[in-house]
Amino acid sequence: MEDLFQLDYFSIIDIVWAIFFLFLIFSFVNIKKKQYLEYDYFKYYSQNAYAKLLLSLVYALYFIIVVDGGDTLAYWDGGLKMNNLFWKSSDMYFKELFSDPDMSLYYGHFDISTGYPPGWIYREKESWFISKIVSIFSFFTFKSYLVTTFLLAYLSSVASWKLFELVHSFKLNTNKNIAIAVLFVPSVGFWCSGITKDTIVMFSTTIIICNAFQVLSMNKKTEFKNFFWIAFYGFLLLNIRSFMVSTIVVCLAFTYSARIANKYRSNAFAFYSIRLLSIVVGFLFFTFQGDSLMNSEKLEEAALIQKDFAVNDTYEGKKYDLGVTDYSSAGMVKAFVPAVIAGLYRPFLWESLSITLILNGLEGAFYLYLTIVFFRSRAIKKVNLIRKHEFFIFAFFFCLLMAYMSGVTSGLLGVLVRFKAPLIPFLVLLLTIDVDLKDQMDKKEGEIKNDADSSVINLIN
């Protein structure tokens, strides 16, 4: 891996190209901002883009200068070797691109002229898949690490903005709270904006969810592109972090079953039958995941990930133990509560006394505070609002299942903070749901309706 640390990330050409690319992004952001000046909330669009770019730069500089290593540089190194392979032989490149890792291909395709990808990245299918994606980006960024970082950061900001607009349309959170939850959580911006597996996972998850609600919405037109993007990013997730797909699908199933149940609310038998079916589906999900973890390669993959990060000083090697040794269905149920607590609130403050975990420890304490506030004031009304709104039903189950899966499969606190990143925006949205805003909206709608009724009466008279 010596060549990994000999890469030149700060050549004059690289820096000039990075500055020029930033100028292009800033120009585009400002043009788009001017087009929507009439929307007060659109001020967050540029702030979101700039925050992601800044955090991605901090992430890159930290791994290049402070750590002098880490997975981000290994993904990049693998991507460059793939790029070199294309110029050596496009046939070999595409064969490698569409093949699973195979050491016979490794030594057959790569040589001194192309360089060899990091072996620990190549042997792990999901990690090598990231290097393949990075190689595609490298053609457009002229093999510049910084430019690729900025490009991924901007794409990340676009995805989070789509989620912001989706939640904004529901009028159940203030714009400020939506922005904090979806756009400005520091740890999410740090871990999910650079050249990393978590950036692709976060981006893909967000786009799938936004398009899925476009499909589920009865007020918006569904287009072919919605299904295409769901399928495309679903494919990416299957190859990077497969449990994300099953988690999203189950949460959408819960959401759709709630819609069907509400249609039959007047029929108690039908209503509770559908609710019971949802519970059965959830139980089967846990059963399936438990059996899969026990009988498939998931545990081996988790162990490999933990081993890789354990030798990486960046993550301090801090482990946590849920006390679970049985990954059968019964074991999965037993692990549910400690796994969810870990996924939602850990690392605790006393577990996060390191430079890479301190932000997550402070955020975990903040989420715990928001939870207390949630139940201290008008909790029943908040819960009823969540129960009646399809997006927040999805958000609740997504937080629950993601926290569970993250808590069970991580093992290391440094891995946990990255696995749990996709649930954090939904958790904050749930905990900051605004019943007063809902009351104001209902009052305003009632006034509009009364005015309309009065106008009709006056016309009749």
Protein backbone atom coordinates (compact mmCIF):
# COMPACT_ATOMS: atom_id res chain seq x y z
CA MET A 1 0.00 0.00 0.00
CA GLU A 2 3.00 2.29 -0.10
CA ASP A 3 1.89 3.86 -3.38
CA LEU A 4 -1.37 4.84 -1.69
CA PHE A 5 0.44 7.44 0.39
CA GLN A 6 2.64 8.62 -2.45
CA LEU A 7 -0.26 9.96 -4.50
CA ASP A 8 0.04 13.65 -5.21
CA TYR A 9 -3.21 15.26 -4.06
CA PHE A 10 -1.97 18.86 -4.16
CA SER A 11 -0.23 19.39 -7.46
CA ILE A 12 -0.56 22.87 -8.98
CA ILE A 13 -2.83 21.49 -11.71
CA ASP A 14 -5.01 19.70 -9.14
CA ILE A 15 -5.42 22.83 -7.00
CA VAL A 16 -6.15 25.09 -9.98
CA TRP A 17 -8.70 22.64 -11.35
CA ALA A 18 -10.33 22.32 -7.91
CA ILE A 19 -10.61 26.13 -7.57
CA PHE A 20 -12.09 26.39 -11.07
CA PHE A 21 -14.59 23.63 -10.29
CA LEU A 22 -15.61 25.38 -7.07
CA PHE A 23 -16.13 28.58 -9.04
CA LEU A 24 -18.46 26.70 -11.40
CA ILE A 25 -20.46 25.28 -8.49
CA PHE A 26 -20.71 28.67 -6.74
CA SER A 27 -21.88 30.29 -9.98
CA PHE A 28 -24.52 27.65 -10.56
CA VAL A 29 -25.74 27.84 -6.96
CA ASN A 30 -26.06 31.64 -7.10
CA ILE A 31 -27.92 31.52 -10.43
CA LYS A 32 -30.36 28.98 -9.01
CA LYS A 33 -30.77 31.02 -5.83
CA LYS A 34 -31.69 34.15 -7.82
CA GLN A 35 -34.35 32.19 -9.71
CA TYR A 36 -36.20 31.45 -6.46
CA LEU A 37 -35.80 34.69 -4.52
CA GLU A 38 -39.54 34.78 -3.83
CA TYR A 39 -39.25 31.65 -1.70
CA ASP A 40 -37.95 32.54 1.74
CA TYR A 41 -36.85 28.97 2.51
CA PHE A 42 -34.64 28.84 -0.60
CA LYS A 43 -31.89 30.64 1.29
CA TYR A 44 -31.03 27.24 2.73
CA TYR A 45 -30.20 25.90 -0.74
CA SER A 46 -26.91 27.78 -1.05
CA GLN A 47 -26.09 27.37 2.64
CA ASN A 48 -26.56 23.62 2.27
CA ALA A 49 -24.28 23.41 -0.78
CA TYR A 50 -21.54 25.51 0.86
CA ALA A 51 -21.73 23.52 4.11
CA LYS A 52 -21.38 20.20 2.25
CA LEU A 53 -18.43 21.50 0.23
CA LEU A 54 -16.67 22.81 3.34
CA LEU A 55 -17.19 19.60 5.32
CA SER A 56 -16.06 17.48 2.38
CA LEU A 57 -12.84 19.55 2.22
CA VAL A 58 -12.31 19.10 5.97
CA TYR A 59 -12.90 15.37 5.55
CA ALA A 60 -10.41 15.14 2.68
CA LEU A 61 -7.72 17.21 4.39
CA TYR A 62 -8.11 15.26 7.62
CA PHE A 63 -7.49 11.93 5.92
CA ILE A 64 -4.70 13.25 3.70
CA ILE A 65 -2.75 15.35 6.23
CA VAL A 66 -3.63 14.05 9.70
CA VAL A 67 -4.37 10.37 9.15
CA ASP A 68 -2.31 9.86 6.00
CA GLY A 69 -4.57 6.96 5.02
CA GLY A 70 -8.05 5.63 5.61
CA ASP A 71 -10.72 4.11 3.43
CA THR A 72 -11.39 7.30 1.43
CA LEU A 73 -7.84 7.33 0.04
CA ALA A 74 -7.99 3.59 -0.58
CA TYR A 75 -11.24 3.94 -2.56
CA TRP A 76 -9.63 6.74 -4.56
CA ASP A 77 -6.47 4.74 -5.17
CA GLY A 78 -8.55 1.79 -6.40
CA GLY A 79 -10.52 4.12 -8.67
CA LEU A 80 -7.32 5.51 -10.19
CA LYS A 81 -6.02 2.02 -10.86
CA MET A 82 -9.29 1.25 -12.63
CA ASN A 83 -8.91 4.46 -14.64
CA ASN A 84 -5.39 3.38 -15.64
CA LEU A 85 -6.76 -0.03 -16.60
CA PHE A 86 -9.20 1.60 -19.03
CA TRP A 87 -6.35 3.25 -20.93
CA LYS A 88 -4.43 -0.01 -20.93
CA SER A 89 -7.42 -2.06 -22.17
CA SER A 90 -11.04 -0.94 -22.29
CA ASP A 91 -12.11 -4.61 -22.52
CA MET A 92 -10.32 -5.41 -19.27
CA TYR A 93 -11.81 -2.30 -17.65
CA PHE A 94 -15.39 -3.23 -18.46
CA LYS A 95 -14.83 -6.86 -17.53
CA GLU A 96 -13.52 -5.73 -14.15
CA LEU A 97 -16.34 -3.19 -13.84
CA PHE A 98 -19.05 -5.83 -14.20
CA SER A 99 -17.32 -8.68 -12.34
CA ASP A 100 -17.07 -9.58 -8.68
CA PRO A 101 -13.60 -9.38 -7.10
CA ASP A 102 -11.45 -12.27 -8.30
CA MET A 103 -7.75 -12.53 -7.53
CA SER A 104 -7.12 -14.18 -10.92
CA LEU A 105 -8.56 -11.03 -12.55
CA TYR A 106 -6.59 -8.87 -10.12
CA TYR A 107 -3.26 -10.26 -11.28
CA GLY A 108 -4.46 -10.72 -14.85
CA HIS A 109 -5.68 -7.15 -15.34
CA PHE A 110 -3.42 -5.01 -13.18
CA ASP A 111 0.33 -4.72 -13.55
CA ILE A 112 3.17 -2.27 -12.95
CA SER A 113 1.88 0.06 -15.67
CA THR A 114 -1.59 0.39 -14.08
CA GLY A 115 -0.57 -0.10 -10.48
CA TYR A 116 -2.31 -2.50 -8.11
CA PRO A 117 -5.45 -1.49 -6.14
CA PRO A 118 -5.23 -1.89 -2.33
CA GLY A 119 -5.75 -5.59 -1.66
CA TRP A 120 -8.02 -5.09 1.35
CA ILE A 121 -10.32 -2.92 -0.75
CA TYR A 122 -10.32 -5.30 -3.71
CA ARG A 123 -11.13 -8.39 -1.63
CA GLU A 124 -14.20 -6.78 -0.06
CA LYS A 125 -16.94 -6.71 -2.71
CA GLU A 126 -18.79 -3.67 -1.40
CA SER A 127 -15.63 -1.59 -1.02
CA TRP A 128 -14.37 -2.51 -4.48
CA PHE A 129 -17.76 -1.48 -5.88
CA ILE A 130 -17.11 2.02 -4.50
CA SER A 131 -13.74 2.15 -6.28
CA LYS A 132 -15.51 1.21 -9.51
CA ILE A 133 -17.93 4.12 -9.05
CA VAL A 134 -15.03 6.43 -8.23
CA SER A 135 -13.25 5.34 -11.40
CA ILE A 136 -16.22 6.54 -13.46
CA PHE A 137 -16.15 9.93 -11.72
CA SER A 138 -12.40 10.17 -12.25
CA PHE A 139 -12.86 10.42 -16.02
CA PHE A 140 -14.95 13.60 -15.59
CA THR A 141 -12.76 15.12 -12.89
CA PHE A 142 -9.46 14.48 -14.71
CA LYS A 143 -8.20 12.20 -11.92
CA SER A 144 -8.35 14.98 -9.32
CA TYR A 145 -9.08 13.80 -5.78
CA LEU A 146 -10.24 17.24 -4.63
CA VAL A 147 -12.51 17.82 -7.62
CA THR A 148 -14.08 14.37 -7.20
CA THR A 149 -14.61 15.15 -3.52
CA PHE A 150 -16.32 18.45 -4.35
CA LEU A 151 -18.48 16.82 -7.03
CA LEU A 152 -19.72 14.14 -4.63
CA ALA A 153 -20.32 16.79 -1.96
CA TYR A 154 -22.44 18.86 -4.33
CA LEU A 155 -24.43 15.80 -5.41
CA SER A 156 -24.95 15.03 -1.75
CA SER A 157 -26.30 18.55 -1.22
CA VAL A 158 -28.71 18.09 -4.16
CA ALA A 159 -30.10 14.89 -2.65
CA SER A 160 -30.56 16.41 0.80
CA TRP A 161 -32.26 19.43 -0.78
CA LYS A 162 -34.78 17.15 -2.49
CA LEU A 163 -35.61 15.67 0.90
CA PHE A 164 -35.89 19.20 2.37
CA GLU A 165 -38.42 20.18 -0.30
CA LEU A 166 -40.40 16.98 0.25
CA VAL A 167 -40.69 17.56 4.00
CA HIS A 168 -41.35 21.27 3.49
CA SER A 169 -44.44 20.41 1.45
CA PHE A 170 -46.02 18.66 4.46
CA LYS A 171 -46.04 21.82 6.66
CA LEU A 172 -45.47 19.85 9.87
CA ASN A 173 -42.04 21.27 10.73
CA THR A 174 -40.73 24.80 10.61
CA ASN A 175 -38.26 25.58 7.81
CA LYS A 176 -35.52 26.08 10.39
CA ASN A 177 -36.09 22.68 11.98
CA ILE A 178 -36.25 20.97 8.58
CA ALA A 179 -32.98 22.64 7.58
CA ILE A 180 -31.26 21.56 10.80
CA ALA A 181 -32.51 17.98 10.47
CA VAL A 182 -31.97 17.42 6.76
CA LEU A 183 -29.20 19.83 5.73
CA PHE A 184 -26.99 20.83 8.64
CA VAL A 185 -26.28 17.90 10.95
CA PRO A 186 -22.46 18.18 11.24
CA SER A 187 -21.64 14.47 11.56
CA VAL A 188 -23.81 13.55 8.57
CA GLY A 189 -22.20 16.29 6.49
CA PHE A 190 -18.74 15.14 7.52
CA TRP A 191 -19.15 11.39 6.96
CA CYS A 192 -21.44 11.60 3.92
CA SER A 193 -19.91 14.24 1.66
CA GLY A 194 -16.54 12.94 0.55
CA ILE A 195 -15.18 9.94 -1.35
CA THR A 196 -16.65 7.31 0.92
CA LYS A 197 -19.09 4.44 0.89
CA ASP A 198 -21.44 6.38 3.17
CA THR A 199 -21.83 9.26 0.70
CA ILE A 200 -23.13 6.88 -1.97
CA VAL A 201 -25.37 5.10 0.54
CA MET A 202 -26.83 8.37 1.86
CA PHE A 203 -27.33 9.80 -1.63
CA SER A 204 -28.97 6.61 -2.96
CA THR A 205 -31.21 6.21 0.09
CA THR A 206 -32.43 9.80 -0.08
CA ILE A 207 -33.17 9.69 -3.81
CA ILE A 208 -35.05 6.38 -3.47
CA ILE A 209 -37.20 7.73 -0.64
CA CYS A 210 -38.01 10.99 -2.46
CA ASN A 211 -38.98 9.14 -5.64
CA ALA A 212 -40.95 6.52 -3.70
CA PHE A 213 -43.08 9.24 -2.12
CA GLN A 214 -43.54 10.79 -5.54
CA VAL A 215 -44.98 7.43 -6.61
CA LEU A 216 -47.08 7.04 -3.45
CA SER A 217 -48.41 10.60 -3.58
CA MET A 218 -51.94 10.96 -4.86
CA ASN A 219 -51.41 14.67 -5.58
CA LYS A 220 -48.34 14.43 -7.82
CA LYS A 221 -47.86 12.92 -11.24
CA THR A 222 -45.75 9.78 -11.34
CA GLU A 223 -43.32 9.51 -14.23
CA PHE A 224 -41.16 6.72 -15.63
CA LYS A 225 -38.04 8.44 -14.28
CA ASN A 226 -39.30 7.91 -10.72
CA PHE A 227 -39.27 4.13 -11.19
CA PHE A 228 -35.96 4.28 -13.06
CA TRP A 229 -34.18 6.14 -10.25
CA ILE A 230 -35.65 3.83 -7.62
CA ALA A 231 -34.37 0.80 -9.56
CA PHE A 232 -30.97 2.35 -10.32
CA TYR A 233 -30.17 3.49 -6.80
CA GLY A 234 -31.68 0.31 -5.40
CA PHE A 235 -29.10 -1.57 -7.48
CA LEU A 236 -26.32 0.57 -6.00
CA LEU A 237 -27.51 -0.11 -2.45
CA LEU A 238 -27.75 -3.85 -3.09
CA ASN A 239 -24.09 -3.81 -4.05
CA ILE A 240 -22.93 -1.54 -1.23
CA ARG A 241 -25.12 -2.10 1.84
CA SER A 242 -27.86 -4.57 0.98
CA PHE A 243 -29.83 -4.38 4.23
CA MET A 244 -30.73 -0.79 3.33
CA VAL A 245 -32.94 -2.05 0.50
CA SER A 246 -34.93 -4.45 2.66
CA THR A 247 -35.26 -1.77 5.34
CA ILE A 248 -36.64 0.79 2.88
CA VAL A 249 -39.01 -1.74 1.31
CA VAL A 250 -40.42 -2.84 4.68
CA CYS A 251 -40.90 0.78 5.81
CA LEU A 252 -42.71 1.61 2.56
CA ALA A 253 -44.88 -1.48 3.09
CA PHE A 254 -45.80 -0.22 6.57
CA THR A 255 -46.57 3.18 5.07
CA TYR A 256 -48.80 1.80 2.34
CA SER A 257 -50.60 -0.54 4.74
CA ALA A 258 -51.35 2.50 6.94
CA ARG A 259 -52.92 4.22 3.93
CA ILE A 260 -55.08 1.18 3.21
CA ALA A 261 -56.01 0.80 6.89
CA ASN A 262 -57.12 4.44 7.09
CA LYS A 263 -59.49 3.85 4.18
CA TYR A 264 -61.24 1.20 6.26
CA ARG A 265 -61.10 3.00 9.61
CA SER A 266 -64.89 2.91 9.84
CA ASN A 267 -64.75 -0.90 9.53
CA ALA A 268 -63.09 -2.06 12.73
CA PHE A 269 -62.51 -5.64 11.52
CA ALA A 270 -60.82 -4.56 8.29
CA PHE A 271 -58.84 -1.80 10.01
CA TYR A 272 -57.35 -4.04 12.71
CA SER A 273 -56.81 -6.91 10.28
CA ILE A 274 -54.60 -4.69 8.14
CA ARG A 275 -52.79 -3.45 11.23
CA LEU A 276 -52.22 -7.03 12.36
CA LEU A 277 -50.89 -7.93 8.93
CA SER A 278 -48.40 -5.07 9.23
CA ILE A 279 -47.17 -6.44 12.55
CA VAL A 280 -46.79 -9.92 11.04
CA VAL A 281 -44.78 -8.45 8.14
CA GLY A 282 -42.54 -6.65 10.61
CA PHE A 283 -41.99 -9.83 12.60
CA LEU A 284 -41.18 -11.76 9.41
CA PHE A 285 -38.69 -9.04 8.52
CA PHE A 286 -36.84 -9.52 11.79
CA THR A 287 -37.00 -13.29 11.35
CA PHE A 288 -35.60 -13.03 7.84
CA GLN A 289 -32.85 -10.66 8.88
CA GLY A 290 -31.92 -12.86 11.83
CA ASP A 291 -31.71 -15.98 9.70
CA SER A 292 -29.81 -14.09 7.00
CA LEU A 293 -27.27 -12.81 9.50
CA MET A 294 -26.78 -16.31 10.85
CA ASN A 295 -26.73 -18.25 7.60
CA SER A 296 -25.24 -15.86 5.04
CA GLU A 297 -22.01 -13.96 4.69
CA LYS A 298 -23.33 -10.86 6.48
CA LEU A 299 -21.60 -11.71 9.72
CA GLU A 300 -18.35 -12.39 7.91
CA GLU A 301 -18.69 -9.08 6.06
CA ALA A 302 -19.37 -7.24 9.32
CA ALA A 303 -16.38 -8.94 10.93
CA LEU A 304 -14.19 -7.99 7.95
CA ILE A 305 -15.32 -4.37 8.14
CA GLN A 306 -14.68 -4.29 11.86
CA LYS A 307 -11.24 -5.80 11.36
CA ASP A 308 -10.37 -3.20 8.74
CA PHE A 309 -11.46 -0.32 10.93
CA ALA A 310 -9.90 -1.84 14.01
CA VAL A 311 -6.44 -1.36 12.49
CA ASN A 312 -7.31 2.16 11.34
CA ASP A 313 -6.42 4.74 14.02
CA THR A 314 -9.04 7.09 12.60
CA TYR A 315 -11.82 5.18 14.32
CA GLU A 316 -9.93 4.56 17.55
CA GLY A 317 -11.01 0.87 17.53
CA LYS A 318 -13.64 1.55 20.22
CA LYS A 319 -16.02 -1.37 20.40
CA TYR A 320 -19.42 -1.77 21.97
CA ASP A 321 -21.17 -4.97 22.97
CA LEU A 322 -24.92 -5.59 22.88
CA GLY A 323 -24.47 -8.91 24.62
CA VAL A 324 -25.86 -10.77 21.60
CA THR A 325 -24.34 -14.08 20.54
CA ASP A 326 -27.44 -15.70 19.08
CA TYR A 327 -28.46 -14.35 15.68
CA SER A 328 -31.51 -16.59 15.38
CA SER A 329 -35.01 -15.09 15.32
CA ALA A 330 -35.22 -15.24 19.12
CA GLY A 331 -31.81 -13.64 19.42
CA MET A 332 -32.83 -10.83 17.09
CA VAL A 333 -35.89 -10.03 19.20
CA LYS A 334 -33.76 -10.08 22.35
CA ALA A 335 -31.29 -7.67 20.77
CA PHE A 336 -33.97 -5.24 19.60
CA VAL A 337 -34.01 -2.74 22.48
CA PRO A 338 -30.23 -2.41 23.08
CA ALA A 339 -29.60 -2.30 19.32
CA VAL A 340 -32.16 0.48 18.78
CA ILE A 341 -30.76 2.49 21.69
CA ALA A 342 -27.28 2.11 20.23
CA GLY A 343 -28.48 3.11 16.77
CA LEU A 344 -30.31 6.20 18.01
CA TYR A 345 -28.14 7.58 20.81
CA ARG A 346 -24.67 6.02 20.86
CA PRO A 347 -21.87 6.83 21.17
CA PHE A 348 -22.66 8.32 24.56
CA LEU A 349 -20.59 11.30 25.67
CA TRP A 350 -18.23 9.20 27.80
CA GLU A 351 -17.64 6.90 24.81
CA SER A 352 -16.82 9.66 22.36
CA LEU A 353 -13.78 11.36 23.83
CA SER A 354 -11.83 11.36 20.57
CA ILE A 355 -11.54 13.79 17.68
CA THR A 356 -13.56 11.66 15.25
CA LEU A 357 -16.36 10.72 17.67
CA ILE A 358 -16.88 13.83 19.80
CA LEU A 359 -19.36 15.37 17.35
CA ASN A 360 -21.42 12.19 17.38
CA GLY A 361 -21.33 12.06 21.17
CA LEU A 362 -22.61 15.65 21.44
CA GLU A 363 -25.26 14.98 18.81
CA GLY A 364 -26.37 11.81 20.63
CA ALA A 365 -26.86 13.86 23.80
CA PHE A 366 -28.83 16.41 21.77
CA TYR A 367 -31.10 13.69 20.34
CA LEU A 368 -31.71 12.39 23.85
CA TYR A 369 -32.65 15.93 24.92
CA LEU A 370 -35.05 16.25 21.95
CA THR A 371 -36.63 12.92 22.94
CA ILE A 372 -37.27 14.20 26.47
CA VAL A 373 -38.77 17.42 25.09
CA PHE A 374 -40.93 15.40 22.69
CA PHE A 375 -42.57 13.44 25.52
CA ARG A 376 -42.68 16.35 27.95
CA SER A 377 -44.97 18.57 25.89
CA ARG A 378 -48.13 17.52 23.99
CA ALA A 379 -46.73 14.06 23.32
CA ILE A 380 -50.11 12.45 22.56
CA LYS A 381 -50.94 15.03 19.92
CA LYS A 382 -47.48 14.64 18.37
CA VAL A 383 -47.86 10.86 18.27
CA ASN A 384 -51.29 11.20 16.67
CA LEU A 385 -49.85 13.51 14.01
CA ILE A 386 -47.15 10.95 13.24
CA ARG A 387 -49.70 8.11 13.11
CA LYS A 388 -51.86 9.98 10.60
CA HIS A 389 -49.17 11.14 8.17
CA GLU A 390 -47.68 8.67 5.72
CA PHE A 391 -44.24 10.27 5.55
CA PHE A 392 -43.85 10.35 9.32
CA ILE A 393 -45.08 6.77 9.59
CA PHE A 394 -42.30 5.89 7.18
CA ALA A 395 -39.81 8.02 9.15
CA PHE A 396 -40.74 6.28 12.42
CA PHE A 397 -40.26 2.76 11.10
CA PHE A 398 -37.17 3.78 9.13
CA CYS A 399 -35.53 5.15 12.29
CA LEU A 400 -36.52 2.06 14.23
CA LEU A 401 -35.30 -0.49 11.70
CA MET A 402 -32.19 1.44 10.69
CA ALA A 403 -31.21 1.90 14.33
CA TYR A 404 -31.75 -1.80 14.90
CA MET A 405 -29.77 -2.95 11.86
CA SER A 406 -26.97 -0.45 12.50
CA GLY A 407 -26.73 -1.38 16.16
CA VAL A 408 -26.61 -5.12 15.45
CA THR A 409 -24.16 -5.15 12.54
CA SER A 410 -21.63 -2.44 13.44
CA GLY A 411 -19.70 -3.58 16.53
CA LEU A 412 -17.39 -0.57 16.42
CA LEU A 413 -18.49 2.93 17.38
CA GLY A 414 -16.60 4.34 14.40
CA VAL A 415 -18.60 2.10 12.07
CA LEU A 416 -21.87 2.72 13.92
CA VAL A 417 -21.75 6.51 13.42
CA ARG A 418 -21.48 5.96 9.68
CA PHE A 419 -24.08 3.18 9.39
CA LYS A 420 -26.66 5.22 11.31
CA ALA A 421 -26.18 8.46 9.31
CA PRO A 422 -29.20 7.92 7.00
CA LEU A 423 -31.64 7.72 9.93
CA ILE A 424 -30.52 10.93 11.66
CA PRO A 425 -32.49 13.42 9.49
CA PHE A 426 -35.67 11.39 10.00
CA LEU A 427 -35.08 11.11 13.74
CA VAL A 428 -34.69 14.88 14.14
CA LEU A 429 -37.75 15.50 11.94
CA LEU A 430 -39.85 13.22 14.15
CA LEU A 431 -38.62 14.77 17.38
CA THR A 432 -39.18 18.35 16.16
CA ILE A 433 -42.65 17.87 14.68
CA ASP A 434 -44.58 21.08 15.34
CA VAL A 435 -48.18 20.68 16.53
CA ASP A 436 -48.61 24.46 16.80
CA LEU A 437 -47.74 24.81 13.12
CA LYS A 438 -50.30 22.13 12.31
CA ASP A 439 -52.93 23.96 14.37
CA GLN A 440 -52.15 27.20 12.52
CA MET A 441 -52.43 25.45 9.15
CA ASP A 442 -55.76 23.88 10.12
CA LYS A 443 -57.04 27.26 11.34
CA LYS A 444 -55.95 28.97 8.14
CA GLU A 445 -57.56 26.26 5.99
CA GLY A 446 -60.73 26.59 8.05
CA GLU A 447 -60.79 30.35 7.52
CA ILE A 448 -60.27 29.91 3.78
CA LYS A 449 -63.07 27.37 3.67
CA ASN A 450 -65.40 29.67 5.63
CA ASP A 451 -64.57 32.58 3.33
CA ALA A 452 -65.27 30.39 0.32
CA ASP A 453 -68.59 29.22 1.80
CA SER A 454 -69.55 32.81 2.56
CA SER A 455 -68.73 33.85 -1.01
CA VAL A 456 -70.91 31.07 -2.38
CA ILE A 457 -73.79 32.05 -0.10
CA ASN A 458 -73.48 35.69 -1.14
CA LEU A 459 -73.50 34.72 -4.80
CA ILE A 460 -76.63 32.63 -4.27
CA ASN A 461 -78.35 35.46 -2.45
